[in-house]
Amino acid sequence: MKDESEAHITVIRELGIFGLKTLLTPNGGAVVVLLAFLGNVVGADGSNIPAVVTDFQSAVTAYLVGIFLSMASYLHKAAESQVSLPFYLRPAVQIAAMVLPAFMGFAAFVIGSSFAISAFSP
């Protein structure tokens, strides 16, 4: 019975780490897409810099904050799964330390997307 419960805990840990890695994808992809778009708009010589480039600065900043928060949550979960301490913080504190940055990272993606959309509107 104990082996089964340890196996279940291992599977849950791995799924949690996979989910946290997945949170990095939207923010990282959005930064790459925006930078590629701005590179095409500006051009090779840099003479075609529209005013909209400054509008994208807040979107890229929000995406980078989302990457940082997602990485903080992932690193917390990875460290917690590797270290076996004789004492633990309360489970509610551990869950909050992992889940809150993850949700804030997703919120940063939503905020960055709203900034990017507003940069396109006239």
N, C-alpha and C. Protein backbone atom coordinates (compact mmCIF):
# COMPACT_ATOMS: atom_id res chain seq x y z
N MET A 1 0.83 -1.19 0.00
CA MET A 1 0.00 0.00 0.00
C MET A 1 0.87 1.25 0.00
N LYS A 2 1.97 1.20 0.76
CA LYS A 2 2.83 2.37 0.83
C LYS A 2 3.51 2.64 -0.52
N ASP A 3 3.88 1.58 -1.23
CA ASP A 3 4.51 1.75 -2.54
C ASP A 3 3.56 2.40 -3.53
N GLU A 4 2.29 2.04 -3.46
CA GLU A 4 1.30 2.65 -4.35
C GLU A 4 1.12 4.13 -4.08
N SER A 5 1.07 4.51 -2.82
CA SER A 5 0.88 5.92 -2.49
C SER A 5 2.11 6.74 -2.88
N GLU A 6 3.30 6.17 -2.72
CA GLU A 6 4.51 6.87 -3.15
C GLU A 6 4.53 7.01 -4.67
N ALA A 7 4.06 6.02 -5.38
CA ALA A 7 3.99 6.10 -6.84
C ALA A 7 3.00 7.17 -7.27
N HIS A 8 1.87 7.26 -6.57
CA HIS A 8 0.89 8.29 -6.88
C HIS A 8 1.45 9.69 -6.63
N ILE A 9 2.18 9.84 -5.53
CA ILE A 9 2.78 11.14 -5.22
C ILE A 9 3.81 11.51 -6.28
N THR A 10 4.58 10.54 -6.74
CA THR A 10 5.57 10.80 -7.78
C THR A 10 4.90 11.23 -9.08
N VAL A 11 3.82 10.57 -9.44
CA VAL A 11 3.10 10.94 -10.66
C VAL A 11 2.52 12.34 -10.54
N ILE A 12 1.96 12.66 -9.38
CA ILE A 12 1.39 13.99 -9.17
C ILE A 12 2.48 15.05 -9.24
N ARG A 13 3.65 14.78 -8.67
CA ARG A 13 4.78 15.73 -8.75
C ARG A 13 5.18 15.95 -10.20
N GLU A 14 5.32 14.88 -10.95
CA GLU A 14 5.74 15.01 -12.34
C GLU A 14 4.70 15.78 -13.17
N LEU A 15 3.43 15.52 -12.91
CA LEU A 15 2.38 16.27 -13.62
C LEU A 15 2.40 17.74 -13.24
N GLY A 16 2.66 18.01 -11.98
CA GLY A 16 2.76 19.41 -11.53
C GLY A 16 3.92 20.13 -12.20
N ILE A 17 5.06 19.48 -12.28
CA ILE A 17 6.22 20.09 -12.93
C ILE A 17 5.95 20.27 -14.41
N PHE A 18 5.30 19.31 -15.05
CA PHE A 18 4.96 19.45 -16.46
C PHE A 18 4.01 20.63 -16.67
N GLY A 19 3.02 20.77 -15.79
CA GLY A 19 2.09 21.90 -15.90
C GLY A 19 2.79 23.23 -15.73
N LEU A 20 3.75 23.30 -14.82
CA LEU A 20 4.47 24.55 -14.62
C LEU A 20 5.38 24.87 -15.81
N LYS A 21 5.97 23.84 -16.41
CA LYS A 21 6.75 24.07 -17.62
C LYS A 21 5.86 24.59 -18.74
N THR A 22 4.64 24.09 -18.79
CA THR A 22 3.70 24.51 -19.82
C THR A 22 3.33 25.98 -19.65
N LEU A 23 3.34 26.50 -18.44
CA LEU A 23 3.04 27.91 -18.22
C LEU A 23 4.08 28.84 -18.84
N LEU A 24 5.28 28.35 -19.04
CA LEU A 24 6.32 29.18 -19.65
C LEU A 24 6.08 29.41 -21.13
N THR A 25 5.40 28.50 -21.78
CA THR A 25 5.23 28.56 -23.23
C THR A 25 4.48 29.80 -23.72
N PRO A 26 3.33 30.18 -23.16
CA PRO A 26 2.63 31.35 -23.70
C PRO A 26 3.42 32.64 -23.58
N ASN A 27 4.03 32.89 -22.42
CA ASN A 27 4.78 34.12 -22.24
C ASN A 27 6.03 34.15 -23.11
N GLY A 28 6.75 33.05 -23.16
CA GLY A 28 7.96 32.99 -23.99
C GLY A 28 7.64 33.10 -25.47
N GLY A 29 6.60 32.41 -25.90
CA GLY A 29 6.19 32.49 -27.30
C GLY A 29 5.73 33.88 -27.68
N ALA A 30 5.02 34.54 -26.77
CA ALA A 30 4.53 35.89 -27.06
C ALA A 30 5.69 36.87 -27.21
N VAL A 31 6.71 36.74 -26.37
CA VAL A 31 7.87 37.63 -26.49
C VAL A 31 8.56 37.42 -27.84
N VAL A 32 8.74 36.17 -28.22
CA VAL A 32 9.41 35.88 -29.49
C VAL A 32 8.60 36.42 -30.66
N VAL A 33 7.28 36.23 -30.62
CA VAL A 33 6.43 36.71 -31.71
C VAL A 33 6.46 38.23 -31.80
N LEU A 34 6.36 38.91 -30.67
CA LEU A 34 6.39 40.37 -30.70
C LEU A 34 7.73 40.90 -31.18
N LEU A 35 8.81 40.29 -30.75
CA LEU A 35 10.12 40.75 -31.21
C LEU A 35 10.31 40.49 -32.70
N ALA A 36 9.83 39.36 -33.19
CA ALA A 36 9.91 39.09 -34.62
C ALA A 36 9.06 40.08 -35.40
N PHE A 37 7.86 40.37 -34.90
CA PHE A 37 7.00 41.35 -35.56
C PHE A 37 7.66 42.72 -35.60
N LEU A 38 8.21 43.15 -34.48
CA LEU A 38 8.87 44.46 -34.44
C LEU A 38 10.10 44.49 -35.34
N GLY A 39 10.81 43.37 -35.44
CA GLY A 39 11.95 43.31 -36.35
C GLY A 39 11.54 43.48 -37.79
N ASN A 40 10.39 42.91 -38.16
CA ASN A 40 9.89 43.07 -39.52
C ASN A 40 9.37 44.47 -39.78
N VAL A 41 8.75 45.09 -38.78
CA VAL A 41 8.21 46.44 -38.94
C VAL A 41 9.33 47.46 -39.05
N VAL A 42 10.33 47.31 -38.21
CA VAL A 42 11.43 48.28 -38.20
C VAL A 42 12.27 48.15 -39.47
N GLY A 43 12.53 46.96 -39.91
CA GLY A 43 13.34 46.76 -41.12
C GLY A 43 14.80 46.61 -40.77
N ALA A 44 15.58 46.29 -41.78
CA ALA A 44 17.00 46.02 -41.57
C ALA A 44 17.80 47.28 -41.27
N ASP A 45 17.43 48.39 -41.87
CA ASP A 45 18.21 49.61 -41.68
C ASP A 45 17.78 50.40 -40.44
N GLY A 46 16.67 50.09 -39.84
CA GLY A 46 16.21 50.76 -38.63
C GLY A 46 15.62 52.13 -38.86
N SER A 47 15.34 52.47 -40.10
CA SER A 47 14.81 53.80 -40.38
C SER A 47 13.29 53.87 -40.26
N ASN A 48 12.62 52.73 -40.20
CA ASN A 48 11.17 52.71 -40.18
C ASN A 48 10.65 52.35 -38.79
N ILE A 49 11.02 53.16 -37.80
CA ILE A 49 10.59 52.88 -36.43
C ILE A 49 9.31 53.66 -36.16
N PRO A 50 8.17 52.95 -36.15
CA PRO A 50 6.91 53.65 -35.89
C PRO A 50 6.74 53.94 -34.40
N ALA A 51 5.80 54.78 -34.09
CA ALA A 51 5.53 55.12 -32.69
C ALA A 51 4.94 53.94 -31.93
N VAL A 52 4.42 52.97 -32.66
CA VAL A 52 3.79 51.82 -32.01
C VAL A 52 4.82 50.93 -31.31
N VAL A 53 6.10 51.08 -31.66
CA VAL A 53 7.13 50.26 -31.02
C VAL A 53 7.17 50.55 -29.53
N THR A 54 6.99 51.79 -29.14
CA THR A 54 6.99 52.11 -27.71
C THR A 54 5.76 51.55 -27.01
N ASP A 55 4.66 51.38 -27.75
CA ASP A 55 3.46 50.78 -27.16
C ASP A 55 3.66 49.31 -26.84
N PHE A 56 4.51 48.64 -27.57
CA PHE A 56 4.77 47.22 -27.33
C PHE A 56 5.70 46.99 -26.15
N GLN A 57 6.35 48.04 -25.68
CA GLN A 57 7.28 47.89 -24.56
C GLN A 57 6.58 47.37 -23.32
N SER A 58 5.39 47.87 -23.02
CA SER A 58 4.67 47.39 -21.84
C SER A 58 4.22 45.94 -22.01
N ALA A 59 3.86 45.55 -23.23
CA ALA A 59 3.46 44.16 -23.47
C ALA A 59 4.64 43.21 -23.27
N VAL A 60 5.79 43.57 -23.82
CA VAL A 60 6.98 42.72 -23.66
C VAL A 60 7.38 42.65 -22.19
N THR A 61 7.27 43.77 -21.47
CA THR A 61 7.60 43.78 -20.05
C THR A 61 6.66 42.85 -19.27
N ALA A 62 5.37 42.90 -19.58
CA ALA A 62 4.42 42.01 -18.89
C ALA A 62 4.72 40.55 -19.20
N TYR A 63 5.08 40.24 -20.44
CA TYR A 63 5.42 38.86 -20.78
C TYR A 63 6.68 38.41 -20.05
N LEU A 64 7.67 39.29 -19.93
CA LEU A 64 8.90 38.93 -19.22
C LEU A 64 8.64 38.72 -17.73
N VAL A 65 7.76 39.52 -17.15
CA VAL A 65 7.37 39.32 -15.75
C VAL A 65 6.67 37.96 -15.62
N GLY A 66 5.83 37.62 -16.59
CA GLY A 66 5.17 36.31 -16.57
C GLY A 66 6.16 35.16 -16.64
N ILE A 67 7.20 35.31 -17.45
CA ILE A 67 8.23 34.28 -17.54
C ILE A 67 8.94 34.14 -16.19
N PHE A 68 9.27 35.28 -15.58
CA PHE A 68 9.95 35.24 -14.29
C PHE A 68 9.09 34.56 -13.23
N LEU A 69 7.81 34.91 -13.16
CA LEU A 69 6.93 34.32 -12.16
C LEU A 69 6.71 32.83 -12.40
N SER A 70 6.57 32.44 -13.66
CA SER A 70 6.41 31.02 -13.98
C SER A 70 7.67 30.23 -13.62
N MET A 71 8.83 30.83 -13.90
CA MET A 71 10.08 30.17 -13.54
C MET A 71 10.24 30.05 -12.02
N ALA A 72 9.82 31.10 -11.28
CA ALA A 72 9.91 31.04 -9.83
C ALA A 72 9.04 29.91 -9.29
N SER A 73 7.85 29.78 -9.84
CA SER A 73 6.95 28.71 -9.40
C SER A 73 7.52 27.34 -9.76
N TYR A 74 8.06 27.23 -10.97
CA TYR A 74 8.64 25.95 -11.41
C TYR A 74 9.84 25.58 -10.55
N LEU A 75 10.73 26.54 -10.29
CA LEU A 75 11.92 26.24 -9.50
C LEU A 75 11.55 25.87 -8.06
N HIS A 76 10.53 26.50 -7.53
CA HIS A 76 10.07 26.13 -6.19
C HIS A 76 9.59 24.69 -6.17
N LYS A 77 8.80 24.32 -7.16
CA LYS A 77 8.27 22.95 -7.22
C LYS A 77 9.39 21.95 -7.47
N ALA A 78 10.32 22.29 -8.34
CA ALA A 78 11.42 21.37 -8.63
C ALA A 78 12.30 21.18 -7.39
N ALA A 79 12.58 22.26 -6.68
CA ALA A 79 13.40 22.15 -5.47
C ALA A 79 12.67 21.37 -4.39
N GLU A 80 11.37 21.59 -4.27
CA GLU A 80 10.60 20.89 -3.26
C GLU A 80 10.51 19.40 -3.56
N SER A 81 10.48 19.04 -4.84
CA SER A 81 10.39 17.62 -5.17
C SER A 81 11.73 16.90 -5.04
N GLN A 82 12.83 17.64 -5.07
CA GLN A 82 14.16 17.03 -4.97
C GLN A 82 14.66 16.93 -3.53
N VAL A 83 14.19 17.83 -2.68
CA VAL A 83 14.69 17.88 -1.31
C VAL A 83 13.72 17.17 -0.38
N SER A 84 14.23 16.29 0.40
CA SER A 84 13.42 15.58 1.38
C SER A 84 13.81 16.09 2.76
N LEU A 85 13.06 17.04 3.27
CA LEU A 85 13.36 17.63 4.56
C LEU A 85 12.66 16.86 5.67
N PRO A 86 13.26 16.81 6.85
CA PRO A 86 12.59 16.12 7.96
C PRO A 86 11.37 16.89 8.47
N PHE A 87 11.32 18.15 8.20
CA PHE A 87 10.16 18.95 8.59
C PHE A 87 9.72 19.75 7.37
N TYR A 88 8.47 20.05 7.32
CA TYR A 88 7.91 20.78 6.20
C TYR A 88 7.16 22.01 6.70
N LEU A 89 7.07 22.97 5.85
CA LEU A 89 6.15 24.07 6.13
C LEU A 89 4.74 23.53 6.05
N ARG A 90 3.83 24.28 6.51
CA ARG A 90 2.44 23.85 6.38
C ARG A 90 2.12 23.67 4.90
N PRO A 91 1.35 22.65 4.56
CA PRO A 91 1.03 22.41 3.15
C PRO A 91 0.37 23.61 2.47
N ALA A 92 -0.43 24.36 3.21
CA ALA A 92 -1.09 25.52 2.61
C ALA A 92 -0.06 26.56 2.18
N VAL A 93 1.01 26.72 2.96
CA VAL A 93 2.06 27.68 2.62
C VAL A 93 2.82 27.20 1.39
N GLN A 94 3.12 25.91 1.33
CA GLN A 94 3.83 25.37 0.17
C GLN A 94 2.99 25.49 -1.10
N ILE A 95 1.73 25.21 -1.00
CA ILE A 95 0.86 25.30 -2.17
C ILE A 95 0.75 26.75 -2.62
N ALA A 96 0.59 27.66 -1.67
CA ALA A 96 0.51 29.08 -2.03
C ALA A 96 1.80 29.57 -2.67
N ALA A 97 2.94 29.10 -2.17
CA ALA A 97 4.23 29.52 -2.73
C ALA A 97 4.42 29.01 -4.15
N MET A 98 3.75 27.93 -4.50
CA MET A 98 3.87 27.40 -5.86
C MET A 98 2.76 27.92 -6.77
N VAL A 99 1.55 27.99 -6.27
CA VAL A 99 0.40 28.29 -7.12
C VAL A 99 0.25 29.79 -7.40
N LEU A 100 0.48 30.63 -6.40
CA LEU A 100 0.30 32.07 -6.61
C LEU A 100 1.20 32.63 -7.71
N PRO A 101 2.51 32.33 -7.72
CA PRO A 101 3.31 32.83 -8.84
C PRO A 101 2.87 32.27 -10.20
N ALA A 102 2.38 31.04 -10.19
CA ALA A 102 1.92 30.45 -11.46
C ALA A 102 0.70 31.20 -11.98
N PHE A 103 -0.26 31.49 -11.09
CA PHE A 103 -1.44 32.25 -11.52
C PHE A 103 -1.07 33.67 -11.91
N MET A 104 -0.15 34.26 -11.17
CA MET A 104 0.28 35.63 -11.52
C MET A 104 1.03 35.64 -12.85
N GLY A 105 1.76 34.57 -13.15
CA GLY A 105 2.42 34.47 -14.45
C GLY A 105 1.41 34.39 -15.58
N PHE A 106 0.33 33.64 -15.36
CA PHE A 106 -0.73 33.58 -16.38
C PHE A 106 -1.44 34.92 -16.49
N ALA A 107 -1.65 35.59 -15.35
CA ALA A 107 -2.27 36.92 -15.38
C ALA A 107 -1.38 37.91 -16.12
N ALA A 108 -0.07 37.79 -15.98
CA ALA A 108 0.85 38.65 -16.73
C ALA A 108 0.72 38.41 -18.22
N PHE A 109 0.47 37.16 -18.62
CA PHE A 109 0.25 36.87 -20.04
C PHE A 109 -1.01 37.57 -20.54
N VAL A 110 -2.07 37.51 -19.75
CA VAL A 110 -3.33 38.16 -20.14
C VAL A 110 -3.14 39.67 -20.22
N ILE A 111 -2.46 40.25 -19.24
CA ILE A 111 -2.22 41.70 -19.24
C ILE A 111 -1.34 42.09 -20.42
N GLY A 112 -0.29 41.34 -20.67
CA GLY A 112 0.58 41.62 -21.82
C GLY A 112 -0.16 41.52 -23.14
N SER A 113 -1.06 40.55 -23.23
CA SER A 113 -1.86 40.42 -24.45
C SER A 113 -2.80 41.60 -24.63
N SER A 114 -3.36 42.10 -23.53
CA SER A 114 -4.23 43.28 -23.66
C SER A 114 -3.42 44.51 -24.05
N PHE A 115 -2.19 44.63 -23.55
CA PHE A 115 -1.33 45.73 -23.99
C PHE A 115 -0.98 45.62 -25.47
N ALA A 116 -0.70 44.40 -25.91
CA ALA A 116 -0.36 44.19 -27.33
C ALA A 116 -1.55 44.49 -28.22
N ILE A 117 -2.74 44.09 -27.80
CA ILE A 117 -3.94 44.37 -28.60
C ILE A 117 -4.21 45.86 -28.64
N SER A 118 -4.03 46.53 -27.50
CA SER A 118 -4.29 47.98 -27.49
C SER A 118 -3.25 48.74 -28.32
N ALA A 119 -2.07 48.18 -28.50
CA ALA A 119 -1.05 48.84 -29.34
C ALA A 119 -1.46 48.82 -30.80
N PHE A 120 -2.27 47.85 -31.21
CA PHE A 120 -2.73 47.77 -32.59
C PHE A 120 -3.92 48.68 -32.86
N SER A 121 -4.68 49.00 -31.81
CA SER A 121 -5.90 49.79 -32.05
C SER A 121 -5.53 51.26 -32.27
N PRO A 122 -6.31 51.92 -33.11
CA PRO A 122 -5.98 53.31 -33.46
C PRO A 122 -6.22 54.28 -32.35
